[in-house]
Amino acid sequence: MTSPATHPAALSSSGGGTVTMLLTLLDVDFGLTGLTPETDLLTEGLLDSLALMELILALETTFSITIDEDDLNPDHFASVHAIAQLVESDAS
């Protein structure tokens, strides 16, 4: 996994918004290319339980947030759009 300080998602934060950062993170760290913000990551089997835990750790590191136990709902990780909403709500 790329270090937080040099992660392409962190470096692109000034211009592309949370969705673009997440798409970059999923591409670079998880090899998930060609995603749209609405791609269902869970139903399509793109993230299994281990990848989901790795994603949570990457989100916490990249976005300097803490994802609470109450937020560990599959609906929050179903798509890039849903993850962006979670990240933005935790960052505020």
C-alpha atoms as a PDB file:
ATOM      1  CA  MET A   1       0.000   0.000   0.000  1.00  0.00           C
ATOM      2  CA  THR A   2       1.232   3.506  -0.825  1.00  0.00           C
ATOM      3  CA  SER A   3       2.163   5.717   2.131  1.00  0.00           C
ATOM      4  CA  PRO A   4      -0.434   8.357   3.087  1.00  0.00           C
ATOM      5  CA  ALA A   5       1.853  11.327   2.388  1.00  0.00           C
ATOM      6  CA  THR A   6       2.569  10.231  -1.182  1.00  0.00           C
ATOM      7  CA  HIS A   7      -0.684   8.463  -1.993  1.00  0.00           C
ATOM      8  CA  PRO A   8      -2.090   9.718  -5.317  1.00  0.00           C
ATOM      9  CA  ALA A   9      -5.518  10.128  -3.719  1.00  0.00           C
ATOM     10  CA  ALA A  10      -4.104  12.447  -1.065  1.00  0.00           C
ATOM     11  CA  LEU A  11      -2.068  14.360  -3.621  1.00  0.00           C
ATOM     12  CA  SER A  12      -5.118  14.967  -5.809  1.00  0.00           C
ATOM     13  CA  SER A  13      -7.286  16.293  -2.988  1.00  0.00           C
ATOM     14  CA  SER A  14      -7.014  19.904  -4.071  1.00  0.00           C
ATOM     15  CA  GLY A  15      -8.768  19.461  -7.385  1.00  0.00           C
ATOM     16  CA  GLY A  16     -10.922  16.427  -7.823  1.00  0.00           C
ATOM     17  CA  GLY A  17     -13.168  16.001  -4.839  1.00  0.00           C
ATOM     18  CA  THR A  18     -13.821  13.007  -2.661  1.00  0.00           C
ATOM     19  CA  VAL A  19     -15.238  10.770  -5.411  1.00  0.00           C
ATOM     20  CA  THR A  20     -12.156  11.257  -7.610  1.00  0.00           C
ATOM     21  CA  MET A  21      -9.888  10.606  -4.638  1.00  0.00           C
ATOM     22  CA  LEU A  22     -11.762   7.394  -3.863  1.00  0.00           C
ATOM     23  CA  LEU A  23     -11.636   6.210  -7.470  1.00  0.00           C
ATOM     24  CA  THR A  24      -7.857   6.792  -7.411  1.00  0.00           C
ATOM     25  CA  LEU A  25      -7.485   4.961  -4.103  1.00  0.00           C
ATOM     26  CA  LEU A  26      -9.472   1.967  -5.357  1.00  0.00           C
ATOM     27  CA  ASP A  27      -7.453   1.900  -8.574  1.00  0.00           C
ATOM     28  CA  VAL A  28      -3.988   2.274  -7.025  1.00  0.00           C
ATOM     29  CA  ASP A  29      -4.416   0.196  -3.846  1.00  0.00           C
ATOM     30  CA  PHE A  30      -7.018  -2.361  -4.923  1.00  0.00           C
ATOM     31  CA  GLY A  31      -6.568  -2.623  -8.698  1.00  0.00           C
ATOM     32  CA  LEU A  32     -10.206  -1.711  -9.342  1.00  0.00           C
ATOM     33  CA  THR A  33     -10.280   0.160 -12.635  1.00  0.00           C
ATOM     34  CA  GLY A  34     -13.202   1.337 -14.727  1.00  0.00           C
ATOM     35  CA  LEU A  35     -15.428   2.048 -11.750  1.00  0.00           C
ATOM     36  CA  THR A  36     -18.166   4.644 -11.751  1.00  0.00           C
ATOM     37  CA  PRO A  37     -19.420   6.354  -8.591  1.00  0.00           C
ATOM     38  CA  GLU A  38     -22.488   4.092  -8.743  1.00  0.00           C
ATOM     39  CA  THR A  39     -20.740   0.732  -9.333  1.00  0.00           C
ATOM     40  CA  ASP A  40     -21.996  -1.687  -6.650  1.00  0.00           C
ATOM     41  CA  LEU A  41     -18.728  -2.828  -5.108  1.00  0.00           C
ATOM     42  CA  LEU A  42     -20.273  -5.478  -2.873  1.00  0.00           C
ATOM     43  CA  THR A  43     -22.959  -7.032  -5.082  1.00  0.00           C
ATOM     44  CA  GLU A  44     -20.513  -7.292  -7.990  1.00  0.00           C
ATOM     45  CA  GLY A  45     -17.997  -9.008  -5.692  1.00  0.00           C
ATOM     46  CA  LEU A  46     -15.311  -6.358  -6.170  1.00  0.00           C
ATOM     47  CA  LEU A  47     -14.668  -6.086  -2.416  1.00  0.00           C
ATOM     48  CA  ASP A  48     -14.648  -9.104  -0.139  1.00  0.00           C
ATOM     49  CA  SER A  49     -14.560  -8.900   3.666  1.00  0.00           C
ATOM     50  CA  LEU A  50     -10.754  -8.653   3.862  1.00  0.00           C
ATOM     51  CA  ALA A  51     -10.607  -5.981   1.149  1.00  0.00           C
ATOM     52  CA  LEU A  52     -13.356  -4.087   2.947  1.00  0.00           C
ATOM     53  CA  MET A  53     -11.320  -4.011   6.163  1.00  0.00           C
ATOM     54  CA  GLU A  54      -8.239  -2.908   4.206  1.00  0.00           C
ATOM     55  CA  LEU A  55     -10.348  -0.184   2.572  1.00  0.00           C
ATOM     56  CA  ILE A  56     -11.554   1.074   5.957  1.00  0.00           C
ATOM     57  CA  LEU A  57      -7.952   1.359   7.151  1.00  0.00           C
ATOM     58  CA  ALA A  58      -6.957   3.129   3.929  1.00  0.00           C
ATOM     59  CA  LEU A  59      -9.879   5.567   4.276  1.00  0.00           C
ATOM     60  CA  GLU A  60      -8.960   6.373   7.861  1.00  0.00           C
ATOM     61  CA  THR A  61      -5.327   6.978   6.900  1.00  0.00           C
ATOM     62  CA  THR A  62      -5.876   8.834   3.627  1.00  0.00           C
ATOM     63  CA  PHE A  63      -8.675  11.097   4.839  1.00  0.00           C
ATOM     64  CA  SER A  64      -7.547  11.430   8.505  1.00  0.00           C
ATOM     65  CA  ILE A  65     -10.903  10.205   9.792  1.00  0.00           C
ATOM     66  CA  THR A  66     -12.106   7.559  12.212  1.00  0.00           C
ATOM     67  CA  ILE A  67     -14.863   5.272  11.011  1.00  0.00           C
ATOM     68  CA  ASP A  68     -17.004   4.411  14.015  1.00  0.00           C
ATOM     69  CA  GLU A  69     -18.444   0.998  14.707  1.00  0.00           C
ATOM     70  CA  ASP A  70     -21.896   2.438  13.988  1.00  0.00           C
ATOM     71  CA  ASP A  71     -20.746   3.272  10.449  1.00  0.00           C
ATOM     72  CA  LEU A  72     -19.779  -0.333   9.652  1.00  0.00           C
ATOM     73  CA  ASN A  73     -22.937  -0.838   7.624  1.00  0.00           C
ATOM     74  CA  PRO A  74     -22.630  -2.495   4.192  1.00  0.00           C
ATOM     75  CA  ASP A  75     -24.780   0.273   2.694  1.00  0.00           C
ATOM     76  CA  HIS A  76     -22.003   2.764   3.502  1.00  0.00           C
ATOM     77  CA  PHE A  77     -19.544   0.783   1.347  1.00  0.00           C
ATOM     78  CA  ALA A  78     -21.792  -0.336  -1.501  1.00  0.00           C
ATOM     79  CA  SER A  79     -20.505   2.239  -3.992  1.00  0.00           C
ATOM     80  CA  VAL A  80     -17.921   4.980  -4.363  1.00  0.00           C
ATOM     81  CA  HIS A  81     -20.731   7.509  -3.976  1.00  0.00           C
ATOM     82  CA  ALA A  82     -21.838   5.929  -0.669  1.00  0.00           C
ATOM     83  CA  ILE A  83     -18.255   5.819   0.607  1.00  0.00           C
ATOM     84  CA  ALA A  84     -17.784   9.489  -0.356  1.00  0.00           C
ATOM     85  CA  GLN A  85     -20.858  10.429   1.679  1.00  0.00           C
ATOM     86  CA  LEU A  86     -19.465   8.513   4.669  1.00  0.00           C
ATOM     87  CA  VAL A  87     -16.023  10.124   4.343  1.00  0.00           C
ATOM     88  CA  GLU A  88     -17.485  13.609   3.981  1.00  0.00           C
ATOM     89  CA  SER A  89     -19.792  13.148   6.985  1.00  0.00           C
ATOM     90  CA  ASP A  90     -16.898  11.874   9.134  1.00  0.00           C
ATOM     91  CA  ALA A  91     -14.607  14.686   7.986  1.00  0.00           C
ATOM     92  CA  SER A  92     -17.041  17.407   8.987  1.00  0.00           C
END
